Structure formats: structure tokens, C-alpha cells
Amino acid sequence: MGDSPRLLAINARDREELRVVLTCAGQVEDLRWSQGGKISQVGDIYLGVVNKVESSLDAAFIDFGGKRAGFLHSGNLHASCVPGCDPFKLASTTTRVPEKLAAVSDEDVVAAEPDSQTLPIAEMLEPGQKLIVQVQRDSVRGKGATLSSFISLPGRRLVLMPSLGRAAISRRIDDSDERRRLRDEVLSADAFQQCGMILRTAAEGASADELLSELELLLEEWKQLGQAAAKGDGPSCLRREPTPAVRAVRDILRRDLSEVVVDCPQVAKDIAAAIEELPKDCRPPVRVYDKTRPLFEALDIERAWQLLFRAKVPVARGASIVIHETEALCAIDVNSGRIQGDSLEDTALEANLAAAEEIARQIRLRDLGGIVVVDFIDMRQSENRRQLNQRFSQLLRADRARLKLGGLSSFGLLSLTRRRMGTGLPRAIERFCKGCGGSGTAAQHHAGALRALRLLRSAGTERELHLRIHPGAAVELKGLLEDLPQPGLELRLEEDSQLAPGDMVLR
């Protein structure tokens, strides 16, 4: 798969959602998603005002202009935020690294150092105080956005972080020669020694001049932020992240990308303009897809997308995994299916190794977080358990999130903890399911309805259509039919409970 061309497909034609998928050899490697009409605030920078300080929570609630006050924990509070301090004074007074950065992938974060913030939050903040904050996580399920006063300005190859107080290299750049080159040729320069920053994985192979040019642009942006904060009263927005499509391309873009395919001319134009600012070896061609058939259907991506909303996911040779998220943890079960080895032990090992690859991918794509427990098929031989544990650990290295892997128990249970990158696609669009009496959610019904809507839109001049669809998806679809552009279309819906919510027959 490493030698296969990688393609970045962007479905931006439909106003209901934006979907960005990185594929290689028919496999979905990475994705980004945003809901139509709902703009993510992650990475946006605001001049906020302290509403309330809760000593019992060791946190404060900040009015930053959102519908709900944002949540600022003491762990995300810079030590210079004391009463009477200039709200922009987030200079390099400490070398502390926060647990999570708002606009930076965890793959680019360096190892954290001891926390230098020792005062209780009630002694650092007071109601009415102004401070600059950045959104780490969007508001979800009635909870306000998660905020941080550790500001980061991301570029393509480096991230400016004044609160870091030093220059560092991403922990994901593991080539010792490249790390030595970056340290000796780049970070030793005076310009890089005078500010906090992290060289991202995209900095591999970049020259000192290229990195310096990007740093100067970010420093100018930081200066303008300070000027805007000095003039503002708060709460007010100081800086917004680029459009979701441009941001997704910025985060996913890689040198071995063969092309970017976009089904919306305007979005393609915006992306092409953003790519033009990159070095020539990082400028894949941008192609506009103008066919009537939905892009993900044409590229055979849609089925893999719909699998993200299903509990049961097929694995090679008839095996499968079942994923169930609860409030306490996420449980993943492995089923051997039709896999048959020379013995029960061989069958278990083969099924477990096949499942491990898909589990690592699903954890990454679904952005599963918290405690994850995998129930592998029991194996008696310690060597087989060691082989599985080693292979699973190797597969998880491709994950951009921070995680900690435990050992495989004698019962076949393997646990890990993982910090979510965001909300997670299924969790972001799940809805209360009246049909199940509140025992579950219907995220896949909504996703299936959106797929049906795309197929109907691509039908062109057809006047009569018959759609066989899952009942739950049919209910969701009926609320979307008013957005169909074809006047006079006669559509007959046939509900079929035997179909999966993401499957349908249109004729």
C-alpha cells in the first residue's frame, strides 16, 4: 500500500455536509468532516471575559461570544494570566507544554514538561478579567466549548507557540539524521531561538530559508493579533481558522499525494489558491469533478464511509469486529467468522491479526476516545499473545492522537486509552432514536438519508423514481426531500427493514 498513489477526495457539492477523505489502494486512510451550516470553532482565537471561577472544578467559565460560556481548566491556563496582566501577555515566561493544542495535531506535540502553574485558579483569574483564548473543542451535547490560553498559530510546516518558550521538533519525526539536520541547520539560527515553535512532520526535507519564511508570516500574524487585542473590549473574535475544506487540506496534504479531486468548482478554486502558497514539491494537481453521479460513489468510497456508522465491520476472509460506544468505555469484539486454520489456536491468531489492522483503522477514523477495550479471541500460547500485542502496537503508531496501550490479558482483553482529536464523526451527527425507545442513536439513519439524497440529485431529468430504503433512513429522508432541485419528480419510497440504513436500491 505504501507504493500506491494517494488521492484526496473532497465532497463539497452538498450543503448538508463537507466530507474529505484520503484514500490509498481502496482503503480510507484519513478523513475530515464538518456539518453543513455548522462551522467548527476549533482553532479560532477570541478575546474572552471571565464569567465565573469555579474552585471546586479548578476551572473558569469564559464568555467568548458563543451561545454558551466556554470551559477553561487550570491545566490550559498560562501562568502569566494573573489579575492586572495585559490580556495579550502570553510571552515565553514558561516552557510548559499544555496537554493538547487547539489548532495542532497531537502528532506534532512534543513531550510535556512539568507544570509551572502552581497558583489556584481562583488566584489567577477573577470575574470580568480579559484574556485571549483559543477553542480546543467545539460545544457538544449541551456542554460549552473547551478553551485554552496556550495560543498556537499553525502553518504548513511549523506551529508558532509563544507560550512554549523554545523551539522543538515534532515527536513524529523519528529519523535521527533528519532531526540532527533540523536541529543544527534550522533551530540553531537566532530567529528560531527567539520564539516558541514546533517543527511539524511536514518540515522534513524543508530548507532553513523555507521555514524562516513561514515563521516570519506567522510572527506578523501574531503581532496583528496583539494589536487587535489591545483595541478590543471583549468578548470578540480575533482570528478565525480557514474554511473547513482548506483546513482539511492543510492538515492532510502530503508529498506523495497524486491529486486532489473536488466536486465543487468554488471550493476547488479556494483549495488551489491555498496549495499555490506551498513549495512546488507539495502542490498536487486539483481536479474538478463535474459528473452527475456523486463523487464518493464514483470513487467507490461511499461504502467505506457508511461503514463508519455501523456497529459490525467486516474484516478479511469473513471475520468481523463489533464496535459499541458507551458513556463509560468503548468495547470492541472480534469474531472469527469463516476463518479456519490448522487448529483452534491458529484460527484465533489469524482472526486476531486480521482484526487488529481494522480495529486500529476504525479507532483512528471514528476518533474513538477514553477507555477502549478490545475482546480478542482467546489464545493459549503466550508467544501468540506476544505477537498480537506487538502487531497491534505497531499498527497504532499511525494514529495522530495520544494513546497508551496496555498488555493483552490471559482472557484476550486488551485495553488502551486514547485522547480524541475532536468529537468523532458518528458522535457528531448522532440523534436520539425514537424507534428504539432511547436505547440507542440513529447516526447511520441520517447518513443513509444523505446518501439517498445525493443519488436522487444525480438522477438528472428522470420523472419517476422508485427508492427502496431502510425505514429509519426513510424517515430522515422525508425531511430532506424539499431540497431536491427536480420539480415534478414522482418518487415512490418503499421501506425495507432488511436493508442496512446505508444501503438502498434506486431505479
Foldseek 3Di string as FASTA:
>chain_A
DVPFAKEWEWEPPDQQKIKIFIDGPLDTQAIDIDGRPDFDQQQFKWWWFWAAQDLVQLWTFICQPDPGTAIEHPLQEQQQQAPPGQQLPLAQPDQADGPDARLDFLQQGDDGDDDPRDDRVPRRDDGGDIHMWGFRFCDDDNHHTYIHRQHWDDDLFKIFTRHNLAEEEGPNPPDPVQRVCCVVQACVDPVRGGGYMYGGPQCRPPHNVVVVVVVVVVVVLSVQLSVVSVPDSDRDTSDGDDGSLLSVCSVPQDLSHQEYEYQDVVSLVVNQVSLVVDPPSRRHYYHHDDALARPCVVVVNLVVVLVLQAQWDAWPPQKIKGWDDDPQEIEIETGLGRQDDPDPQVSQLVSLLRVLLVVLSSCQQQQGFAKYKYQGDAHQDPVSQVVSQVSSVVNNSSHSWDKDWDGQDNRRITMMGTDGSYCGVLSVQWDQDVVVVRPDTPSSLLVLLVSVLSRQLSPPQDQEKEKEAAPSVVVNNVVVVVVRPHPNRHYHYHHDNVDDSNDMDMD
